Protein backbone atom coordinates (compact mmCIF):
# COMPACT_ATOMS: atom_id res chain seq x y z
CA MET A 1 -6.66 89.17 -82.04
CA MET A 2 -7.73 92.73 -81.26
CA GLN A 3 -4.32 93.43 -79.75
CA ILE A 4 -2.52 92.22 -82.90
CA GLY A 5 -4.89 94.24 -85.09
CA LEU A 6 -4.23 97.42 -83.11
CA ARG A 7 -0.47 96.91 -83.28
CA SER A 8 -0.52 96.27 -87.05
CA TRP A 9 -2.79 99.25 -87.59
CA LEU A 10 -0.49 101.55 -85.66
CA ILE A 11 2.61 100.31 -87.52
CA GLY A 12 0.90 100.86 -90.87
CA PHE A 13 -0.42 104.28 -89.86
CA VAL A 14 2.93 105.61 -88.59
CA PHE A 15 4.82 104.17 -91.58
CA VAL A 16 2.42 105.72 -94.10
CA THR A 17 2.59 109.04 -92.23
CA ILE A 18 6.40 109.05 -92.45
CA MET A 19 6.35 108.18 -96.15
CA LEU A 20 3.76 110.89 -96.88
CA GLY A 21 5.93 113.38 -95.01
CA MET A 22 8.79 112.51 -97.35
CA LEU A 23 6.81 113.27 -100.53
CA PRO A 24 7.80 116.99 -100.80
CA LEU A 25 11.47 116.12 -100.26
CA SER A 26 11.21 113.29 -102.78
CA TYR A 27 9.58 115.62 -105.32
CA TYR A 28 12.34 118.21 -104.90
CA ALA A 29 15.04 115.54 -105.27
CA LEU A 30 13.42 114.15 -108.43
CA LYS A 31 13.20 117.64 -109.97
CA THR A 32 16.88 118.23 -109.21
CA ILE A 33 17.90 114.87 -110.68
CA SER A 34 15.74 115.45 -113.76
CA SER A 35 17.33 118.86 -114.34
CA SER A 36 20.84 117.44 -114.00
CA LEU A 37 20.10 114.64 -116.44
CA GLU A 38 18.87 117.11 -119.05
CA PHE A 39 22.43 118.37 -119.45
CA GLY A 40 23.82 117.03 -122.73
CA THR A 41 20.45 116.45 -124.35
CA GLN A 42 20.17 119.86 -126.13
CA PRO A 43 21.70 119.57 -129.68
CA GLN A 44 21.54 123.34 -130.16
CA ILE A 45 24.24 123.83 -127.50
CA GLU A 46 26.68 121.61 -129.39
CA GLU A 47 25.73 123.35 -132.70
CA SER A 48 26.26 126.77 -131.13
CA LEU A 49 29.69 125.80 -129.79
CA THR A 50 30.72 124.35 -133.20
CA PHE A 51 29.54 127.49 -134.98
CA ALA A 52 31.42 129.66 -132.47
CA ILE A 53 34.66 127.72 -133.10
CA GLN A 54 34.30 128.22 -136.84
CA LYS A 55 33.75 131.96 -136.52
CA SER A 56 36.23 132.72 -133.75
CA THR A 57 40.01 133.25 -134.01
CA GLY A 58 42.95 133.03 -131.66
CA ASP A 59 42.28 132.51 -127.98
CA GLU A 60 38.53 132.57 -128.51
CA THR A 61 38.80 129.48 -130.71
CA GLU A 62 40.67 127.59 -127.99
CA LYS A 63 38.11 128.56 -125.35
CA HIS A 64 35.19 127.45 -127.52
CA ALA A 65 36.98 124.21 -128.39
CA SER A 66 37.63 123.50 -124.68
CA ALA A 67 33.95 124.15 -123.86
CA LEU A 68 32.81 121.81 -126.65
CA LYS A 69 35.20 119.13 -125.40
CA THR A 70 33.91 119.45 -121.83
CA TYR A 71 30.29 119.32 -123.05
CA ARG A 72 30.94 116.17 -125.06
CA GLN A 73 32.76 114.54 -122.08
CA ARG A 74 29.78 115.19 -119.80
CA LYS A 75 27.46 113.91 -122.49
CA ALA A 76 29.51 110.69 -122.64
CA LEU A 77 29.37 110.36 -118.83
CA LYS A 78 25.59 110.83 -118.76
CA PRO A 79 24.68 107.03 -118.68
CA PHE A 80 27.12 106.45 -115.81
CA ILE A 81 25.81 109.46 -113.90
CA LYS A 82 22.25 108.27 -114.50
CA ARG A 83 23.01 104.80 -113.13
CA GLU A 84 24.74 106.23 -110.07
CA ILE A 85 21.87 108.61 -109.37
CA ILE A 86 19.32 105.79 -109.69
CA ARG A 87 21.39 103.53 -107.40
CA LEU A 88 21.81 106.34 -104.87
CA CYS A 89 18.05 106.96 -104.93
CA LEU A 90 17.25 103.27 -104.40
CA ILE A 91 19.73 103.02 -101.52
CA SER A 92 18.34 106.18 -99.94
CA VAL A 93 14.71 105.11 -100.27
CA THR A 94 15.48 101.61 -98.91
CA ALA A 95 17.47 103.03 -95.98
CA VAL A 96 14.72 105.53 -95.15
CA ALA A 97 12.04 102.82 -95.42
CA LEU A 98 13.96 100.40 -93.16
CA LEU A 99 14.71 103.15 -90.66
CA SER A 100 11.04 104.16 -90.71
CA ILE A 101 9.93 100.57 -90.10
CA ILE A 102 12.39 100.11 -87.21
CA LEU A 103 11.41 103.40 -85.57
CA THR A 104 7.74 102.63 -86.14
CA ILE A 105 8.00 99.19 -84.50
CA ILE A 106 9.91 100.66 -81.53
CA PHE A 107 7.36 103.44 -81.17
CA VAL A 108 4.34 101.13 -81.50
CA ASN A 109 5.82 98.55 -79.08
CA LYS A 110 6.30 101.29 -76.53
CA ILE A 111 2.64 102.23 -76.88
CA THR A 112 1.17 98.71 -76.99
CA LYS A 113 3.35 97.02 -74.35
CA PRO A 114 1.28 98.34 -71.42
CA LEU A 115 -1.87 97.30 -73.28
CA ARG A 116 -0.49 93.77 -73.78
CA LEU A 117 0.33 93.61 -70.06
CA LEU A 118 -3.18 94.82 -69.28
CA THR A 119 -4.69 92.14 -71.54
CA LYS A 120 -2.58 89.43 -69.90
CA ALA A 121 -3.52 90.68 -66.43
CA THR A 122 -7.21 90.71 -67.36
CA ASP A 123 -6.92 87.09 -68.45
CA SER A 124 -5.23 86.24 -65.13
CA ILE A 125 -8.05 87.93 -63.21
CA HIS A 126 -10.53 85.90 -65.26
CA LYS A 127 -8.73 82.71 -64.19
CA GLY A 128 -8.91 83.70 -60.54
CA PHE A 129 -5.40 85.13 -59.93
CA LEU A 130 -6.55 88.27 -58.13
CA GLU A 131 -3.07 89.05 -56.81
CA HIS A 132 -1.84 89.99 -60.28
CA LYS A 133 -0.37 93.52 -60.43
CA ILE A 134 0.83 95.55 -63.43
CA PRO A 135 3.78 97.98 -63.21
CA GLU A 136 2.68 101.50 -64.08
CA GLN A 137 4.23 102.55 -67.40
CA GLY A 138 3.34 104.16 -70.70
CA THR A 139 1.59 107.46 -71.28
CA SER A 140 -0.21 109.28 -68.48
CA GLU A 141 -3.57 107.98 -69.73
CA VAL A 142 -2.32 104.38 -69.83
CA ARG A 143 -0.75 104.73 -66.36
CA THR A 144 -4.09 105.97 -65.06
CA LEU A 145 -5.82 102.98 -66.65
CA ILE A 146 -3.29 100.56 -65.13
CA ARG A 147 -3.63 102.19 -61.72
CA SER A 148 -7.40 101.81 -61.92
CA PHE A 149 -7.00 98.16 -62.93
CA ASN A 150 -4.68 97.45 -59.97
CA ASP A 151 -7.15 99.15 -57.61
CA MET A 152 -9.98 97.08 -59.09
CA SER A 153 -7.93 93.89 -58.62
CA ALA A 154 -7.27 94.77 -54.97
CA ASP A 155 -10.97 95.53 -54.41
CA LEU A 156 -11.95 92.21 -56.00
CA LYS A 157 -9.54 90.35 -53.73
CA LYS A 158 -10.93 92.15 -50.69
CA THR A 159 -14.50 91.42 -51.79
CA GLN A 160 -13.61 87.78 -52.36
CA ALA A 161 -12.18 87.53 -48.84
CA GLU A 162 -15.34 89.07 -47.39
CA LEU A 163 -17.50 86.66 -49.38
CA LEU A 164 -15.41 83.75 -48.14
CA ARG A 165 -15.89 84.85 -44.55
CA ALA A 166 -19.63 85.18 -45.08
CA GLU A 167 -19.69 81.79 -46.77
CA ARG A 168 -17.79 80.21 -43.86
CA MET A 169 -20.28 81.66 -41.41
CA GLN A 170 -23.17 80.32 -43.46
CA THR A 171 -21.38 76.98 -43.70
CA TRP A 172 -21.02 76.71 -39.94
CA GLN A 173 -24.68 77.52 -39.54
CA GLN A 174 -25.44 74.72 -41.96
CA VAL A 175 -23.06 72.46 -40.01
CA ALA A 176 -24.91 73.20 -36.78
CA ARG A 177 -28.26 72.35 -38.41
CA THR A 178 -26.82 69.19 -39.96
CA VAL A 179 -25.23 67.99 -36.72
CA ALA A 180 -28.47 68.61 -34.84
CA HIS A 181 -30.36 66.66 -37.49
CA GLU A 182 -27.85 63.79 -37.53
CA ILE A 183 -27.91 63.51 -33.73
CA LYS A 184 -31.70 63.64 -33.67
CA ASN A 185 -31.98 60.68 -36.05
CA PRO A 186 -30.38 58.06 -33.72
CA LEU A 187 -32.06 59.59 -30.65
CA THR A 188 -35.48 58.53 -31.96
CA PRO A 189 -34.78 54.74 -31.99
CA ILE A 190 -32.90 55.08 -28.67
CA LYS A 191 -35.91 56.78 -27.12
CA LEU A 192 -38.34 54.21 -28.54
CA SER A 193 -36.19 51.28 -27.42
CA THR A 194 -35.85 52.73 -23.93
CA GLU A 195 -39.60 53.31 -23.63
CA ARG A 196 -40.23 49.76 -24.83
CA LEU A 197 -37.82 48.35 -22.22
CA PHE A 198 -39.44 50.43 -19.48
CA ASP A 199 -42.90 49.25 -20.50
CA LYS A 200 -41.83 45.58 -20.53
CA TYR A 201 -40.15 46.00 -17.13
CA ILE A 202 -43.15 47.69 -15.50
CA ASN A 203 -45.53 45.05 -16.85
CA GLN A 204 -43.19 42.17 -16.00
CA SER A 205 -43.50 40.79 -19.53
CA PRO A 206 -42.30 37.20 -19.94
CA ASP A 207 -40.30 38.17 -23.03
CA PHE A 208 -38.41 40.91 -21.16
CA ASP A 209 -35.07 39.11 -21.57
CA LYS A 210 -35.56 38.85 -25.31
CA VAL A 211 -36.64 42.47 -25.63
CA ILE A 212 -33.76 43.79 -23.53
CA LYS A 213 -31.32 42.00 -25.84
CA SER A 214 -32.76 43.46 -29.07
CA ALA A 215 -33.30 46.91 -27.55
CA THR A 216 -29.73 47.01 -26.22
CA GLN A 217 -28.39 46.14 -29.68
CA VAL A 218 -30.41 48.98 -31.22
CA ILE A 219 -29.27 51.44 -28.57
CA LEU A 220 -25.60 50.47 -28.87
CA SER A 221 -25.78 50.60 -32.69
CA GLU A 222 -27.27 54.10 -32.67
CA ILE A 223 -24.77 55.28 -30.05
CA GLY A 224 -21.98 53.95 -32.28
CA LYS A 225 -23.32 56.08 -35.18
CA MET A 226 -23.37 59.12 -32.93
CA GLU A 227 -19.78 58.46 -31.83
CA LYS A 228 -18.63 58.29 -35.46
CA LEU A 229 -20.44 61.51 -36.24
CA VAL A 230 -18.97 63.32 -33.26
CA ASP A 231 -15.49 62.00 -34.04
CA ALA A 232 -15.69 63.19 -37.66
CA PHE A 233 -16.95 66.59 -36.57
CA HIS A 234 -14.21 66.77 -33.93
CA ARG A 235 -11.53 66.13 -36.56
CA TYR A 236 -13.01 68.79 -38.82
CA ALA A 237 -13.45 71.40 -36.09
CA ARG A 238 -10.04 70.82 -34.49
CA LEU A 239 -7.92 70.54 -37.63
CA PRO A 240 -4.45 71.73 -36.53
CA LYS A 241 -2.94 74.81 -38.10
CA PRO A 242 -0.65 73.91 -40.99
CA ASN A 243 3.05 73.64 -40.23
CA LEU A 244 4.21 75.53 -43.32
CA ALA A 245 7.59 74.95 -44.94
CA PRO A 246 8.96 75.18 -48.51
CA ALA A 247 7.85 72.11 -50.45
CA SER A 248 7.90 70.76 -54.00
CA LEU A 249 4.56 69.44 -55.21
CA ASN A 250 5.76 66.98 -57.86
CA PRO A 251 7.61 64.60 -55.45
CA LEU A 252 4.74 64.88 -52.96
CA LEU A 253 2.21 63.84 -55.63
CA GLU A 254 4.42 60.98 -56.78
CA GLU A 255 4.56 59.74 -53.18
CA VAL A 256 0.76 59.84 -52.90
CA MET A 257 0.29 58.02 -56.20
CA THR A 258 2.55 55.14 -55.20
CA LEU A 259 -0.03 54.28 -52.53
CA TYR A 260 -2.52 53.30 -55.27
CA GLU A 261 -0.27 51.60 -57.83
CA SER A 262 -1.02 48.11 -56.53
CA GLN A 263 -4.79 48.74 -56.55
CA LEU A 264 -5.08 49.99 -60.13
CA GLN A 265 -4.80 48.50 -63.56
CA GLU A 266 -1.86 49.70 -65.64
CA GLY A 267 -2.62 52.98 -67.37
CA THR A 268 -5.48 53.98 -65.08
CA LEU A 269 -3.46 56.62 -63.24
CA THR A 270 -1.49 58.97 -65.56
CA THR A 271 0.51 62.12 -64.88
CA ARG A 272 1.84 65.24 -66.58
CA PHE A 273 4.13 67.14 -64.22
CA ALA A 274 5.60 70.47 -65.31
CA GLU A 275 9.36 70.75 -64.91
CA GLY A 276 10.99 73.49 -62.88
CA LEU A 277 7.96 74.25 -60.73
CA PRO A 278 8.62 76.83 -57.99
CA LEU A 279 8.29 75.75 -54.39
CA VAL A 280 5.17 76.39 -52.34
CA SER A 281 4.71 77.01 -48.62
CA ALA A 282 2.90 73.91 -47.38
CA ASP A 283 2.26 71.40 -44.66
CA GLN A 284 3.12 68.24 -46.59
CA ASP A 285 1.07 65.91 -44.36
CA GLN A 286 -2.06 68.01 -44.80
CA LEU A 287 -1.56 68.35 -48.55
CA LYS A 288 -1.14 64.57 -48.82
CA GLN A 289 -4.48 64.21 -47.05
CA VAL A 290 -6.07 66.49 -49.68
CA PHE A 291 -4.59 64.62 -52.67
CA ILE A 292 -5.40 61.21 -51.16
CA ASN A 293 -8.99 62.30 -50.69
CA LEU A 294 -9.28 63.57 -54.30
CA ILE A 295 -7.76 60.41 -55.80
CA LYS A 296 -9.91 58.24 -53.55
CA ASN A 297 -13.05 60.06 -54.69
CA ALA A 298 -11.95 59.67 -58.32
CA LEU A 299 -11.41 55.93 -57.80
CA GLU A 300 -14.91 55.56 -56.40
CA SER A 301 -16.33 57.47 -59.36
CA ILE A 302 -14.60 55.88 -62.39
CA PRO A 303 -15.93 52.76 -64.13
CA SER A 304 -14.32 49.41 -63.33
CA GLU A 305 -13.12 49.12 -66.93
CA LYS A 306 -11.42 51.89 -68.92
CA GLY A 307 -11.36 54.15 -65.87
CA GLN A 308 -8.94 57.05 -66.15
CA ILE A 309 -7.45 59.35 -63.51
CA HIS A 310 -5.05 62.07 -64.62
CA VAL A 311 -2.91 64.23 -62.33
CA ALA A 312 -1.09 67.28 -63.73
CA THR A 313 0.84 70.28 -62.44
CA THR A 314 1.37 73.65 -64.12
CA PHE A 315 2.59 77.14 -63.25
CA GLU A 316 0.14 79.95 -64.00
CA GLY A 317 0.61 83.58 -63.04
CA GLN A 318 1.95 83.45 -59.48
CA SER A 319 0.39 80.10 -58.55
CA VAL A 320 1.26 76.42 -58.80
CA VAL A 321 -1.81 74.58 -60.08
CA THR A 322 -2.57 70.89 -59.54
CA GLU A 323 -5.30 69.19 -61.58
CA VAL A 324 -6.93 65.88 -60.63
CA SER A 325 -9.36 64.72 -63.33
CA ASP A 326 -11.30 61.53 -63.98
CA ASN A 327 -13.76 60.09 -66.48
CA GLY A 328 -16.23 59.00 -63.82
CA SER A 329 -19.88 59.72 -63.21
CA GLY A 330 -19.34 63.43 -62.66
CA ILE A 331 -21.29 65.81 -60.44
CA LYS A 332 -24.82 67.08 -60.95
CA SER A 333 -24.94 70.80 -61.70
CA GLU A 334 -27.15 71.51 -58.68
CA ASN A 335 -24.60 69.84 -56.37
CA ILE A 336 -21.41 71.59 -57.55
CA SER A 337 -21.94 74.61 -55.30
CA ARG A 338 -22.49 72.32 -52.27
CA ILE A 339 -19.76 69.68 -52.52
CA PHE A 340 -17.34 71.61 -50.28
CA GLN A 341 -19.95 72.10 -47.55
CA PRO A 342 -19.48 69.95 -44.43
CA TYR A 343 -21.72 66.87 -44.24
CA PHE A 344 -22.90 67.15 -47.82
CA THR A 345 -22.49 63.82 -49.59
CA THR A 346 -24.17 61.76 -52.30
CA LYS A 347 -22.56 58.52 -51.09
CA SER A 348 -24.42 56.08 -48.89
CA GLN A 349 -21.31 55.43 -46.78
CA GLY A 350 -19.77 58.91 -46.82
CA ASN A 351 -19.79 61.42 -43.95
CA GLY A 352 -19.48 64.49 -46.21
CA LEU A 353 -16.32 65.85 -44.61
CA GLY A 354 -13.61 64.82 -47.09
CA LEU A 355 -13.96 67.71 -49.54
CA ALA A 356 -14.84 70.12 -46.71
CA LEU A 357 -11.52 69.24 -45.05
CA ALA A 358 -9.71 69.64 -48.38
CA ASP A 359 -11.27 73.08 -48.88
CA ARG A 360 -10.32 74.16 -45.38
CA ILE A 361 -6.72 72.92 -45.71
CA ILE A 362 -6.20 74.65 -49.07
CA THR A 363 -7.78 77.87 -47.78
CA GLU A 364 -5.45 77.90 -44.76
CA HIS A 365 -2.54 77.46 -47.20
CA GLY A 366 -3.62 80.68 -48.91
CA GLY A 367 -4.85 78.79 -51.97
CA GLN A 368 -8.07 77.91 -53.75
CA ILE A 369 -9.79 74.65 -54.68
CA SER A 370 -12.46 74.47 -57.38
CA VAL A 371 -14.14 71.90 -59.60
CA GLN A 372 -15.44 71.64 -63.16
CA SER A 373 -17.80 68.80 -63.89
CA SER A 374 -20.88 67.65 -65.75
CA GLU A 375 -22.99 64.65 -64.86
CA GLY A 376 -21.69 61.61 -66.73
CA GLN A 377 -18.65 63.53 -68.06
CA GLY A 378 -16.19 63.12 -65.19
CA ALA A 379 -14.78 65.83 -62.95
CA THR A 380 -11.64 67.96 -62.71
CA PHE A 381 -10.48 69.49 -59.41
CA TYR A 382 -8.10 72.47 -59.51
CA ILE A 383 -5.88 73.38 -56.56
CA LYS A 384 -4.05 76.72 -56.76
CA LEU A 385 -1.28 77.40 -54.23
CA PRO A 386 0.77 80.62 -54.19
CA ALA A 387 4.34 80.08 -55.38
CA LEU A 388 7.25 81.18 -53.22
CA GLN A 389 9.09 84.15 -54.70
């Protein structure tokens, strides 16, 4: 709104300035026209010429008669001349006004175009597209402003990368603490069961056979939990580098969604795919893993009746954006900043690596994954991948 107001103000200001500059010329033209129209309105001139004809003789009479005839002809043409002058004035004023408006719009557009680009770029930065650059144009002051904006955008992108590296380091520290804690949990019953077996063996207890059976079951069960934990961590830590190639997201998403058609009621899974999306550089197998994980999480979150999952694609700035939203239970505000951390989960059966893997895959694709959610209001995940030029 401020941009439109500035543009309108500039157009009005320049137009009024041009019209005010024309006032002296207009005044001079009106004085000239007024003087010319006064010809033929003085009755004393006609009386003087008539009197001169009556008093003169010979050639003088003919001259005075010719002058009177010419005066009366001009007097008769006065209405026509007046109409023509008025029409000429209207045409001139209209032409000057239109030309002034056209020149004003061209001039104002030249001034405000860099500002409009700057406003659009600011909005892109706000949405997270830090790679947005503005071509330097306009006056020297505007070019300086644009140059400063581009430098700020580059600094923000560099700062973001540094923050991501620091966050990854903190995440791995958290992973180490979590793994140590998760391994320690099954070690306690293993230790207790082993000590119990040893005590029964040393004391030659008659129920040793019964105890060894129950203790072995406990030990094997806890070892199985440790194996699952180590396997999940192994998959996360040794995720292969993406095999990048040009890919179209819409067909890939359609392929993922066909996996769930038989499991869902009609109308539960809806789509809105933008046409003409540019390609992205992607490992299709890894991206499928990300989308499968998001849809699976949404399925576990939505109610059994009237559950809704919506998948959409759009093109914003220089990125292809995929949205996966649901009307499920949502995410608590205190958990939103933690859901992409390894081993963080609110599910009793989850290992907390699904969204961590998704975040890592998208990051290695040069993209970003984020979420907007409120408890009880569903959740929307956004995946931004850079478009191929």
